Amino acid sequence: MIRITLILLALGNLGATLFSAPIKPQPPEHLIIGLDGVSYFTFMKLYEGGYFQYLNRPIPMVATFPTISDPNWNQMMGTDVQESYTKVHFDLNTDTEDGKGAPVGNLLTNLKTEVNYYKAFDFKPENAFEQLTIFGWTETTGEYAVDSLIQYFLKSRKKESYKAFILNTDIIAHMGGEEPLMKFLGYLDNRIKHLRKTYKGKYKKDLQITLISDHGNSFVEPHFVEYQSMLLKKKWKLVESLKEKRDVAVVIPEILSFAAFYVHDDFKQALAKDLSELKGVHTVAYSKSEKKLNLFIQNYGQLKVLLSPKERTLTFLSSPPKNFGQFQAKKTYTWDEYFRKSLNAKYPYAVVNLWEGFYVNAKQGASVLVSTDIKWAFANPTLKVVSKIKGKVKSLHGSLDRLQSFGIVATSKKLTFEGARPSDVYQSIILQQP
Protein backbone atom coordinates (compact mmCIF):
# COMPACT_ATOMS: atom_id res chain seq x y z
CA MET A 1 0.00 0.00 0.00
CA ILE A 2 2.84 2.37 0.90
CA ARG A 3 4.65 1.50 -2.34
CA ILE A 4 1.50 2.19 -4.44
CA THR A 5 1.03 5.53 -2.68
CA LEU A 6 4.64 6.56 -3.39
CA ILE A 7 4.25 5.60 -7.04
CA LEU A 8 1.07 7.68 -7.34
CA LEU A 9 2.77 10.65 -5.71
CA ALA A 10 5.72 10.34 -8.06
CA LEU A 11 3.42 10.18 -11.08
CA GLY A 12 1.54 13.22 -9.77
CA ASN A 13 4.76 15.21 -9.46
CA LEU A 14 5.82 14.10 -12.95
CA GLY A 15 2.46 15.20 -14.34
CA ALA A 16 2.76 18.57 -12.67
CA THR A 17 6.19 18.98 -14.21
CA LEU A 18 5.06 17.89 -17.69
CA PHE A 19 1.76 19.76 -17.92
CA SER A 20 2.24 22.95 -15.85
CA ALA A 21 3.14 26.14 -17.75
CA PRO A 22 6.91 26.70 -17.93
CA ILE A 23 8.27 29.61 -15.90
CA LYS A 24 9.22 32.36 -18.34
CA PRO A 25 12.37 34.32 -17.57
CA GLN A 26 11.68 38.02 -17.16
CA PRO A 27 13.50 41.27 -16.36
CA PRO A 28 13.90 42.35 -12.73
CA GLU A 29 10.86 43.74 -10.93
CA HIS A 30 12.69 46.88 -9.80
CA LEU A 31 14.44 49.48 -11.97
CA ILE A 32 16.64 52.00 -10.14
CA ILE A 33 17.80 55.00 -12.15
CA GLY A 34 20.54 57.27 -10.82
CA LEU A 35 20.19 60.81 -12.16
CA ASP A 36 23.30 62.92 -11.67
CA GLY A 37 22.68 66.33 -10.11
CA VAL A 38 18.87 66.52 -10.29
CA SER A 39 17.62 69.00 -7.72
CA TYR A 40 14.74 68.12 -5.43
CA PHE A 41 13.21 71.54 -6.14
CA THR A 42 13.38 71.09 -9.91
CA PHE A 43 11.93 67.59 -9.68
CA MET A 44 9.07 68.78 -7.44
CA LYS A 45 8.05 71.37 -10.05
CA LEU A 46 7.54 68.51 -12.48
CA TYR A 47 5.89 66.22 -9.95
CA GLU A 48 3.40 68.85 -8.86
CA GLY A 49 2.78 69.60 -12.53
CA GLY A 50 1.58 66.06 -13.16
CA TYR A 51 4.76 64.23 -14.13
CA PHE A 52 6.04 60.99 -12.53
CA GLN A 53 2.67 60.26 -10.92
CA TYR A 54 3.41 56.51 -10.72
CA LEU A 55 5.87 57.42 -7.94
CA ASN A 56 5.05 58.30 -4.36
CA ARG A 57 5.72 61.89 -3.32
CA PRO A 58 9.50 62.46 -3.61
CA ILE A 59 11.66 63.22 -0.58
CA PRO A 60 14.93 65.16 -0.44
CA MET A 61 18.21 63.27 -0.44
CA VAL A 62 20.53 65.48 1.64
CA ALA A 63 23.98 65.24 0.07
CA THR A 64 27.09 64.85 2.15
CA PHE A 65 29.87 67.44 1.80
CA PRO A 66 31.09 68.42 -0.63
CA THR A 67 27.82 68.24 -2.53
CA ILE A 68 29.39 66.79 -5.66
CA SER A 69 29.11 63.44 -7.41
CA ASP A 70 31.96 61.19 -6.25
CA PRO A 71 31.51 61.18 -2.45
CA ASN A 72 27.73 61.05 -2.66
CA TRP A 73 27.35 58.31 -5.25
CA ASN A 74 29.97 56.23 -3.45
CA GLN A 75 27.97 56.46 -0.22
CA MET A 76 24.66 55.83 -1.98
CA MET A 77 25.92 52.79 -3.87
CA GLY A 78 28.12 51.38 -1.07
CA THR A 79 31.37 51.61 -3.06
CA ASP A 80 34.81 52.60 -1.82
CA VAL A 81 35.68 56.26 -1.52
CA GLN A 82 38.04 57.88 -4.00
CA GLU A 83 41.51 59.12 -3.11
CA SER A 84 40.12 62.66 -2.90
CA TYR A 85 36.88 64.53 -3.56
CA THR A 86 37.53 64.88 -7.31
CA LYS A 87 39.65 62.92 -9.79
CA VAL A 88 41.97 65.91 -10.25
CA HIS A 89 43.24 66.65 -6.75
CA PHE A 90 46.13 67.40 -4.41
CA ASP A 91 47.90 64.19 -3.36
CA LEU A 92 49.43 64.42 0.12
CA ASN A 93 51.13 61.06 -0.27
CA THR A 94 53.44 62.31 -3.01
CA ASP A 95 56.81 63.60 -1.80
CA THR A 96 58.81 65.85 -4.12
CA GLU A 97 62.07 67.77 -3.96
CA ASP A 98 59.99 70.85 -3.19
CA GLY A 99 58.16 69.33 -0.22
CA LYS A 100 55.10 67.25 0.63
CA GLY A 101 52.27 66.63 -1.80
CA ALA A 102 51.64 67.41 -5.45
CA PRO A 103 48.73 68.05 -7.84
CA VAL A 104 47.49 64.92 -9.61
CA GLY A 105 45.55 64.64 -12.86
CA ASN A 106 44.35 66.90 -15.66
CA LEU A 107 41.35 67.34 -17.95
CA LEU A 108 41.88 63.91 -19.54
CA THR A 109 41.86 62.32 -16.09
CA ASN A 110 38.17 63.20 -15.74
CA LEU A 111 37.41 61.35 -18.97
CA LYS A 112 39.72 58.36 -18.58
CA THR A 113 39.31 57.49 -14.89
CA GLU A 114 36.39 55.23 -13.99
CA VAL A 115 34.92 56.20 -10.66
CA ASN A 116 34.24 53.50 -8.09
CA TYR A 117 30.46 53.90 -8.06
CA TYR A 118 30.23 52.95 -11.74
CA LYS A 119 30.93 49.38 -10.63
CA ALA A 120 27.57 49.29 -8.82
CA PHE A 121 25.56 50.17 -11.95
CA ASP A 122 24.49 47.75 -14.67
CA PHE A 123 24.10 50.54 -17.22
CA LYS A 124 26.46 53.55 -17.37
CA PRO A 125 28.95 55.28 -19.69
CA GLU A 126 31.40 52.54 -20.65
CA ASN A 127 34.50 54.42 -21.78
CA ALA A 128 36.19 57.78 -22.31
CA PHE A 129 34.66 58.15 -25.79
CA GLU A 130 31.14 57.81 -24.44
CA GLN A 131 31.92 60.33 -21.70
CA LEU A 132 33.28 62.75 -24.29
CA THR A 133 30.19 62.46 -26.51
CA ILE A 134 27.99 63.16 -23.49
CA PHE A 135 29.77 66.47 -22.95
CA GLY A 136 29.58 67.31 -26.67
CA TRP A 137 25.96 66.33 -27.38
CA THR A 138 24.42 66.30 -23.93
CA GLU A 139 20.69 66.31 -24.60
CA THR A 140 20.83 64.07 -27.68
CA THR A 141 22.98 61.46 -25.96
CA GLY A 142 20.73 61.75 -22.90
CA GLU A 143 17.66 60.66 -24.87
CA TYR A 144 19.70 57.93 -26.52
CA ALA A 145 20.88 56.76 -23.09
CA VAL A 146 17.30 56.52 -21.81
CA ASP A 147 16.22 54.49 -24.85
CA SER A 148 19.28 52.25 -24.57
CA LEU A 149 18.88 51.56 -20.86
CA ILE A 150 15.26 50.47 -21.44
CA GLN A 151 16.39 48.02 -24.13
CA TYR A 152 19.14 46.64 -21.89
CA PHE A 153 16.75 46.41 -18.95
CA LEU A 154 14.20 44.37 -20.92
CA LYS A 155 16.94 41.96 -21.96
CA SER A 156 18.27 41.60 -18.42
CA ARG A 157 17.49 38.45 -16.45
CA LYS A 158 18.92 39.53 -13.12
CA LYS A 159 16.94 38.43 -10.07
CA GLU A 160 17.71 41.59 -8.12
CA SER A 161 17.08 45.18 -9.17
CA TYR A 162 18.56 46.66 -12.34
CA LYS A 163 20.58 49.85 -11.74
CA ALA A 164 21.17 52.47 -14.43
CA PHE A 165 23.16 55.71 -14.27
CA ILE A 166 22.44 58.83 -16.35
CA LEU A 167 25.28 61.38 -16.30
CA ASN A 168 23.65 63.83 -18.72
CA THR A 169 21.29 65.48 -16.24
CA ASP A 170 24.00 67.33 -14.29
CA ILE A 171 25.70 68.49 -17.50
CA ILE A 172 22.39 69.73 -18.93
CA ALA A 173 21.85 71.71 -15.71
CA HIS A 174 25.31 73.29 -15.92
CA MET A 175 25.33 74.08 -19.64
CA GLY A 176 21.66 74.69 -20.40
CA GLY A 177 19.93 75.53 -17.14
CA GLU A 178 16.72 74.37 -15.52
CA GLU A 179 14.37 74.54 -18.51
CA PRO A 180 16.34 72.09 -20.73
CA LEU A 181 16.76 69.81 -17.71
CA MET A 182 13.01 69.75 -17.10
CA LYS A 183 12.42 69.01 -20.78
CA PHE A 184 14.79 66.04 -20.59
CA LEU A 185 13.12 64.77 -17.41
CA GLY A 186 9.76 65.03 -19.19
CA TYR A 187 11.16 62.75 -21.90
CA LEU A 188 12.35 60.32 -19.22
CA ASP A 189 8.90 60.32 -17.60
CA ASN A 190 7.22 59.50 -20.93
CA ARG A 191 9.60 56.63 -21.67
CA ILE A 192 9.19 55.15 -18.17
CA LYS A 193 5.39 55.27 -18.50
CA HIS A 194 5.65 53.39 -21.80
CA LEU A 195 8.03 50.86 -20.24
CA ARG A 196 5.69 50.22 -17.29
CA LYS A 197 2.77 49.69 -19.68
CA THR A 198 4.82 47.22 -21.74
CA TYR A 199 6.00 45.40 -18.62
CA LYS A 200 2.49 45.17 -17.16
CA GLY A 201 1.05 43.83 -20.40
CA LYS A 202 3.70 41.17 -20.84
CA TYR A 203 4.39 40.04 -17.26
CA LYS A 204 1.04 40.88 -15.57
CA LYS A 205 2.65 42.83 -12.73
CA ASP A 206 3.73 46.38 -12.00
CA LEU A 207 7.33 47.39 -12.53
CA GLN A 208 8.74 49.12 -9.45
CA ILE A 209 10.59 52.34 -10.29
CA THR A 210 13.03 54.30 -8.13
CA LEU A 211 14.78 57.52 -9.15
CA ILE A 212 17.66 58.82 -7.04
CA SER A 213 20.03 61.76 -7.41
CA ASP A 214 23.19 62.65 -5.56
CA HIS A 215 22.87 66.41 -5.02
CA GLY A 216 21.00 69.48 -6.19
CA ASN A 217 21.82 72.48 -8.37
CA SER A 218 21.16 76.17 -7.84
CA PHE A 219 20.38 77.84 -11.14
CA VAL A 220 22.57 80.91 -10.94
CA GLU A 221 25.51 82.26 -12.91
CA PRO A 222 28.57 82.26 -10.66
CA HIS A 223 30.59 85.04 -9.13
CA PHE A 224 34.15 83.87 -8.52
CA VAL A 225 35.84 83.89 -5.12
CA GLU A 226 39.09 85.86 -5.39
CA TYR A 227 41.19 83.82 -3.00
CA GLN A 228 44.62 84.26 -4.62
CA SER A 229 45.02 87.98 -3.89
CA MET A 230 43.82 87.53 -0.30
CA LEU A 231 46.33 84.75 0.37
CA LEU A 232 49.14 86.90 -1.00
CA LYS A 233 48.06 89.87 1.10
CA LYS A 234 47.92 87.71 4.24
CA LYS A 235 51.46 86.42 3.63
CA TRP A 236 50.41 82.93 2.49
CA LYS A 237 52.24 81.33 -0.42
CA LEU A 238 50.33 79.32 -3.03
CA VAL A 239 52.49 76.32 -3.93
CA GLU A 240 52.28 72.91 -5.59
CA SER A 241 54.09 71.19 -2.72
CA LEU A 242 54.06 72.03 1.01
CA LYS A 243 57.42 72.94 2.52
CA GLU A 244 57.51 76.32 4.29
CA LYS A 245 55.28 77.17 7.24
CA ARG A 246 52.76 79.32 5.39
CA ASP A 247 52.64 77.27 2.19
CA VAL A 248 49.13 76.58 0.90
CA ALA A 249 48.03 74.14 -1.80
CA VAL A 250 44.66 74.00 -3.55
CA VAL A 251 43.45 72.29 -6.72
CA ILE A 252 40.36 73.74 -8.42
CA PRO A 253 39.41 71.20 -11.13
CA GLU A 254 35.91 72.52 -11.90
CA ILE A 255 33.67 75.51 -11.23
CA LEU A 256 32.27 74.47 -7.85
CA SER A 257 30.84 76.06 -4.71
CA PHE A 258 33.42 74.41 -2.46
CA ALA A 259 37.18 74.17 -2.20
CA ALA A 260 39.66 71.95 -0.35
CA PHE A 261 42.83 73.63 0.93
CA TYR A 262 45.96 71.93 2.24
CA VAL A 263 48.39 73.37 4.78
CA HIS A 264 50.70 72.22 7.58
CA ASP A 265 48.66 71.06 10.60
CA ASP A 266 49.74 73.92 12.88
CA PHE A 267 48.34 76.48 10.45
CA LYS A 268 44.84 75.10 9.87
CA GLN A 269 43.11 77.57 12.18
CA ALA A 270 44.95 80.62 10.82
CA LEU A 271 44.16 79.67 7.22
CA ALA A 272 40.51 78.90 8.02
CA LYS A 273 40.06 82.28 9.70
CA ASP A 274 41.59 84.15 6.76
CA LEU A 275 39.50 82.23 4.20
CA SER A 276 36.33 83.00 6.16
CA GLU A 277 36.88 86.72 5.48
CA LEU A 278 36.66 86.25 1.71
CA LYS A 279 33.68 87.74 -0.10
CA GLY A 280 31.36 84.95 -1.20
CA VAL A 281 32.47 82.45 1.46
CA HIS A 282 29.84 81.26 3.94
CA THR A 283 31.38 78.47 6.04
CA VAL A 284 34.98 77.42 6.58
CA ALA A 285 35.82 74.32 8.62
CA TYR A 286 38.91 72.62 9.97
CA SER A 287 39.44 69.68 12.30
CA LYS A 288 42.46 68.44 14.23
CA SER A 289 40.62 65.45 15.73
CA GLU A 290 37.64 63.39 14.59
CA LYS A 291 35.98 64.33 17.88
CA LYS A 292 36.02 68.08 17.32
CA LEU A 293 35.01 70.35 14.47
CA ASN A 294 35.74 74.08 14.22
CA LEU A 295 33.70 76.33 11.94
CA PHE A 296 33.92 79.99 10.93
CA ILE A 297 30.47 81.07 9.74
CA GLN A 298 29.46 84.22 7.89
CA ASN A 299 27.66 86.80 10.11
CA TYR A 300 28.11 84.55 13.12
CA GLY A 301 31.74 83.89 14.05
CA GLN A 302 33.33 80.70 15.31
CA LEU A 303 31.33 77.59 16.20
CA LYS A 304 32.88 74.63 17.97
CA VAL A 305 31.22 71.21 17.95
CA LEU A 306 32.12 68.04 19.84
CA LEU A 307 31.36 64.76 18.08
CA SER A 308 31.37 61.12 19.09
CA PRO A 309 31.47 59.09 15.85
CA LYS A 310 31.14 55.79 17.73
CA GLU A 311 27.95 56.83 19.55
CA ARG A 312 26.88 59.06 16.63
CA THR A 313 26.22 62.09 18.81
CA LEU A 314 27.22 65.75 18.71
CA THR A 315 27.23 68.70 21.11
CA PHE A 316 27.27 72.38 20.14
CA LEU A 317 29.45 74.35 22.55
CA SER A 318 27.40 77.43 21.66
CA SER A 319 24.03 77.78 19.95
CA PRO A 320 24.53 77.55 16.18
CA PRO A 321 23.13 80.16 13.78
CA LYS A 322 19.43 79.76 13.08
CA ASN A 323 20.04 78.83 9.45
CA PHE A 324 21.72 75.66 10.79
CA GLY A 325 18.52 74.74 12.68
CA GLN A 326 17.20 75.34 16.19
CA PHE A 327 19.62 73.71 18.65
CA GLN A 328 20.69 74.42 22.21
CA ALA A 329 24.22 74.97 23.42
CA LYS A 330 25.85 72.14 25.39
CA LYS A 331 23.00 69.74 24.72
CA THR A 332 23.87 66.42 23.11
CA TYR A 333 21.94 65.28 20.03
CA THR A 334 22.09 61.99 18.16
CA TRP A 335 22.99 62.32 14.50
CA ASP A 336 19.56 61.00 13.53
CA GLU A 337 17.87 63.59 15.74
CA TYR A 338 20.10 66.32 14.33
CA PHE A 339 19.21 65.24 10.80
CA ARG A 340 15.46 65.34 11.43
CA LYS A 341 15.55 68.67 13.27
CA SER A 342 17.73 70.41 10.66
CA LEU A 343 16.02 69.01 7.54
CA ASN A 344 14.10 72.25 6.91
CA ALA A 345 17.03 74.54 7.70
CA LYS A 346 18.91 76.45 5.00
CA TYR A 347 22.01 74.39 5.83
CA PRO A 348 20.65 70.92 6.74
CA TYR A 349 22.85 68.41 8.56
CA ALA A 350 25.77 70.75 7.90
CA VAL A 351 27.98 69.77 10.85
CA VAL A 352 27.92 66.01 10.24
CA ASN A 353 28.28 66.54 6.48
CA LEU A 354 31.40 68.64 7.08
CA TRP A 355 32.74 66.02 9.48
CA GLU A 356 32.21 63.37 6.78
CA GLY A 357 34.06 65.66 4.39
CA PHE A 358 37.16 65.32 6.55
CA TYR A 359 36.90 61.70 7.70
CA VAL A 360 34.61 59.70 5.39
CA ASN A 361 34.37 61.08 1.87
CA ALA A 362 38.01 60.86 0.76
CA LYS A 363 41.02 58.75 1.63
CA GLN A 364 42.93 62.01 1.98
CA GLY A 365 40.85 64.58 3.81
CA ALA A 366 41.58 68.28 3.32
CA SER A 367 43.17 70.54 5.91
CA VAL A 368 40.44 73.18 5.47
CA LEU A 369 37.09 72.88 3.70
CA VAL A 370 35.23 75.89 2.32
CA SER A 371 31.55 76.27 1.41
CA THR A 372 30.50 79.37 -0.51
CA ASP A 373 27.35 81.44 -0.67
CA ILE A 374 24.93 80.09 -3.22
CA LYS A 375 25.89 82.47 -6.07
CA TRP A 376 29.63 82.10 -5.59
CA ALA A 377 32.14 79.51 -6.78
CA PHE A 378 35.83 78.71 -6.99
CA ALA A 379 37.52 78.48 -10.37
CA ASN A 380 41.08 78.51 -11.70
CA PRO A 381 42.16 81.14 -14.25
CA THR A 382 41.74 78.76 -17.19
CA LEU A 383 38.17 77.91 -16.23
CA LYS A 384 37.32 81.60 -15.92
CA VAL A 385 38.55 82.24 -19.48
CA VAL A 386 36.66 79.20 -20.83
CA SER A 387 33.46 80.32 -19.13
CA LYS A 388 33.74 83.74 -20.80
CA ILE A 389 34.29 82.20 -24.24
CA LYS A 390 31.61 79.48 -24.07
CA GLY A 391 29.13 81.35 -21.87
CA LYS A 392 28.75 81.26 -18.15
CA VAL A 393 27.83 78.12 -16.28
CA LYS A 394 24.07 78.02 -15.67
CA SER A 395 24.06 76.16 -12.35
CA LEU A 396 26.23 75.46 -9.32
CA HIS A 397 26.65 72.86 -6.60
CA GLY A 398 29.21 71.89 -3.99
CA SER A 399 28.09 73.99 -1.01
CA LEU A 400 26.10 73.22 2.14
CA ASP A 401 23.06 75.22 0.99
CA ARG A 402 19.86 73.17 0.64
CA LEU A 403 19.39 74.31 -2.98
CA GLN A 404 22.67 72.62 -3.85
CA SER A 405 22.53 69.74 -1.37
CA PHE A 406 18.99 68.44 -1.96
CA GLY A 407 18.91 65.56 -4.43
CA ILE A 408 15.94 63.20 -4.68
CA VAL A 409 14.52 59.85 -3.71
CA ALA A 410 11.37 59.18 -5.74
CA THR A 411 10.01 55.65 -5.73
CA SER A 412 6.89 53.58 -6.30
CA LYS A 413 7.80 51.72 -3.11
CA LYS A 414 6.56 52.95 0.26
CA LEU A 415 8.93 55.19 2.21
CA THR A 416 8.68 55.73 5.95
CA PHE A 417 10.96 58.77 6.28
CA GLU A 418 10.73 62.43 5.22
CA GLY A 419 14.33 62.85 4.09
CA ALA A 420 17.30 60.62 3.36
CA ARG A 421 21.08 60.73 3.61
CA PRO A 422 23.32 58.89 1.14
CA SER A 423 23.80 56.06 3.64
CA ASP A 424 20.00 55.79 4.05
CA VAL A 425 19.63 55.35 0.30
CA TYR A 426 22.18 52.54 0.35
CA GLN A 427 20.43 50.71 3.19
CA SER A 428 16.79 51.23 2.17
CA ILE A 429 16.96 51.36 -1.64
CA ILE A 430 20.08 49.55 -2.80
CA LEU A 431 20.18 46.83 -0.10
CA GLN A 432 16.38 47.05 0.37
CA GLN A 433 16.64 46.78 4.13
CA PRO A 434 14.12 48.51 6.47
Foldseek 3Di string as FASTA:
>chain_A
DVVVVVVVVVVVVVCCVVPPDDDDFWFEQEAEEEEEAAFPVLVVVVVVVPFPPLWDNWFWAFAFFQLHPQLLLCLQLVWAFAQAQDQFWWHQPDADPVAGIFTDDAPVSNLADDGGSVVSAPADDDHSVSVVVCLVPVLVVQLVSLVVVLVVRGVDRDHHYHYYYGHSLNSCCFQPNSVSSSVSVRSSRVSVVVSQVVCCVPVVDGRKYKYWYRWHKDFAFADEWPVPVLCVVVVADDDRHADDQRYKYWDFRAWAQKTFIAGPLVCLVVVQVSVLPIPFFAKKWADPDLQKIWIQGPPPGIWIKGADVVQQKIATCQADDCLQFGDHHGDIDHLVRQQVRRVPHQQGSPVVSVSCQQPPNHSHHGRMMTGGPQRYTHDDPVNVVVCVVSPTTRIHGRHRGRNTRIIIIIISDDDDDNYHYSNRSNQCPVVVHD
